[in-house]
Amino acid sequence: MNRWSTPAGLNGHGVPRARKRPTGMIILALVILVPALIGFGMKFKELLMLVGDEEGAFTVVPVLNYLLVTFGFLLLFGWAVFHGMFRDIEKPKYMMMANEQRLDEQEREQEQEEMAKEWWQDEHA
């Protein structure tokens, strides 16, 4: 077994790796995102109160466009998470390296065949 043929999800000895719980990351995300969401909500409330005012009405359409685009990206991200696109992020790396090794071997074989063909033609010409 070469160094790139370790299947993703295994530690090289055929034993599945223990999956770490991302509790620290979740806590950090909540500590950062909850206050940001509260601040955004307060500013958005102020923006909506400006809708009736002539000076603030022009900002509603661009902000709503940004919110709709953000919501679309969140939907795409949620779809990707629920379809398992982030489950094994190491697999493409190993597949790429295995494919590269396979292509290198094929290229070497073709070069050897061409050299053998040239040698045969030189000998029998």
Protein backbone atom coordinates (compact mmCIF):
# COMPACT_ATOMS: atom_id res chain seq x y z
CA MET A 1 0.00 0.00 0.00
CA ASN A 2 1.50 3.32 -1.03
CA ARG A 3 1.29 6.54 0.86
CA TRP A 4 -1.72 7.86 -1.08
CA SER A 5 -3.91 4.79 -1.10
CA THR A 6 -5.16 5.20 2.47
CA PRO A 7 -8.93 5.39 2.19
CA ALA A 8 -10.44 8.59 3.51
CA GLY A 9 -11.79 8.13 7.01
CA LEU A 10 -9.14 5.59 7.98
CA ASN A 11 -5.94 6.23 9.88
CA GLY A 12 -3.81 3.98 7.70
CA HIS A 13 -4.23 0.87 9.87
CA GLY A 14 -7.77 -0.01 8.80
CA VAL A 15 -9.30 1.42 11.97
CA PRO A 16 -11.84 4.23 11.56
CA ARG A 17 -10.84 7.51 13.16
CA ALA A 18 -12.87 8.78 16.08
CA ARG A 19 -14.86 11.81 15.01
CA LYS A 20 -14.21 14.86 17.16
CA ARG A 21 -17.17 16.79 18.50
CA PRO A 22 -17.02 20.39 17.36
CA THR A 23 -18.53 21.75 20.61
CA GLY A 24 -15.87 24.42 21.01
CA MET A 25 -16.49 25.65 17.48
CA ILE A 26 -20.25 25.71 18.04
CA ILE A 27 -19.86 27.68 21.27
CA LEU A 28 -17.49 30.14 19.56
CA ALA A 29 -19.90 30.55 16.64
CA LEU A 30 -22.79 31.23 19.03
CA VAL A 31 -20.75 33.75 21.03
CA ILE A 32 -19.96 35.62 17.81
CA LEU A 33 -23.13 35.16 15.79
CA VAL A 34 -25.83 35.75 18.41
CA PRO A 35 -24.70 39.29 19.32
CA ALA A 36 -24.14 40.05 15.63
CA LEU A 37 -27.65 38.86 14.82
CA ILE A 38 -29.13 40.97 17.60
CA GLY A 39 -27.21 44.03 16.39
CA PHE A 40 -28.28 43.42 12.81
CA GLY A 41 -31.89 43.01 13.88
CA MET A 42 -31.83 46.31 15.75
CA LYS A 43 -30.30 48.14 12.76
CA PHE A 44 -32.78 46.53 10.38
CA LYS A 45 -35.63 47.65 12.63
CA GLU A 46 -34.28 51.21 12.45
CA LEU A 47 -34.08 50.89 8.66
CA LEU A 48 -37.69 49.77 8.44
CA MET A 49 -38.73 52.76 10.52
CA LEU A 50 -37.05 54.99 7.90
CA VAL A 51 -39.20 53.58 5.09
CA GLY A 52 -41.83 56.29 5.55
CA ASP A 53 -39.16 59.00 5.65
CA GLU A 54 -38.05 60.49 2.32
CA GLU A 55 -34.36 60.41 3.23
CA GLY A 56 -34.30 56.73 4.20
CA ALA A 57 -36.66 55.20 1.65
CA PHE A 58 -34.00 54.78 -1.04
CA THR A 59 -32.06 52.26 1.09
CA VAL A 60 -34.82 49.67 1.37
CA VAL A 61 -34.51 48.07 -2.08
CA PRO A 62 -30.72 47.48 -1.99
CA VAL A 63 -30.88 46.09 1.54
CA LEU A 64 -33.72 43.73 0.60
CA ASN A 65 -31.72 42.57 -2.42
CA TYR A 66 -28.72 41.81 -0.19
CA LEU A 67 -30.95 39.92 2.23
CA LEU A 68 -32.51 37.83 -0.53
CA VAL A 69 -29.11 36.94 -1.99
CA THR A 70 -27.81 36.04 1.48
CA PHE A 71 -30.86 33.89 2.10
CA GLY A 72 -30.24 32.11 -1.22
CA PHE A 73 -26.63 31.37 -0.27
CA LEU A 74 -27.76 30.08 3.12
CA LEU A 75 -30.23 27.75 1.39
CA LEU A 76 -27.47 26.44 -0.90
CA PHE A 77 -25.14 25.95 2.05
CA GLY A 78 -27.86 24.10 3.99
CA TRP A 79 -28.57 21.91 0.97
CA ALA A 80 -24.86 21.05 0.66
CA VAL A 81 -24.61 20.21 4.38
CA PHE A 82 -27.69 17.99 4.34
CA HIS A 83 -26.52 16.16 1.22
CA GLY A 84 -23.22 15.26 2.87
CA MET A 85 -20.89 17.47 0.87
CA PHE A 86 -18.86 18.33 3.99
CA ARG A 87 -18.75 14.87 5.59
CA ASP A 88 -15.47 13.69 4.16
CA ILE A 89 -13.48 16.66 3.01
CA GLU A 90 -10.21 14.69 2.95
CA LYS A 91 -11.36 12.17 0.32
CA PRO A 92 -10.80 14.40 -2.75
CA LYS A 93 -7.19 14.95 -1.70
CA TYR A 94 -6.47 11.21 -1.58
CA MET A 95 -8.40 10.58 -4.79
CA MET A 96 -6.41 13.29 -6.59
CA MET A 97 -3.10 11.84 -5.43
CA ALA A 98 -4.14 8.29 -6.37
CA ASN A 99 -5.28 9.49 -9.81
CA GLU A 100 -2.01 11.35 -10.31
CA GLN A 101 -0.03 8.23 -9.44
CA ARG A 102 -2.17 6.11 -11.77
CA LEU A 103 -1.71 8.62 -14.62
CA ASP A 104 2.05 8.75 -14.01
CA GLU A 105 2.21 4.94 -14.24
CA GLN A 106 0.21 4.97 -17.48
CA GLU A 107 2.51 7.63 -18.92
CA ARG A 108 5.57 5.59 -17.95
CA GLU A 109 4.10 2.48 -19.58
CA GLN A 110 3.36 4.41 -22.79
CA GLU A 111 6.90 5.78 -22.87
CA GLN A 112 8.31 2.27 -22.40
CA GLU A 113 6.08 0.93 -25.19
CA GLU A 114 7.19 3.73 -27.51
CA MET A 115 10.85 3.10 -26.67
CA ALA A 116 10.40 -0.64 -27.27
CA LYS A 117 8.65 0.08 -30.58
CA GLU A 118 11.45 2.42 -31.66
CA TRP A 119 14.09 -0.14 -30.66
CA TRP A 120 12.28 -2.88 -32.57
CA GLN A 121 12.00 -0.67 -35.66
CA ASP A 122 15.69 0.25 -35.42
CA GLU A 123 16.70 -3.42 -35.08
CA HIS A 124 14.54 -4.65 -37.92
CA ALA A 125 14.97 -1.77 -40.31
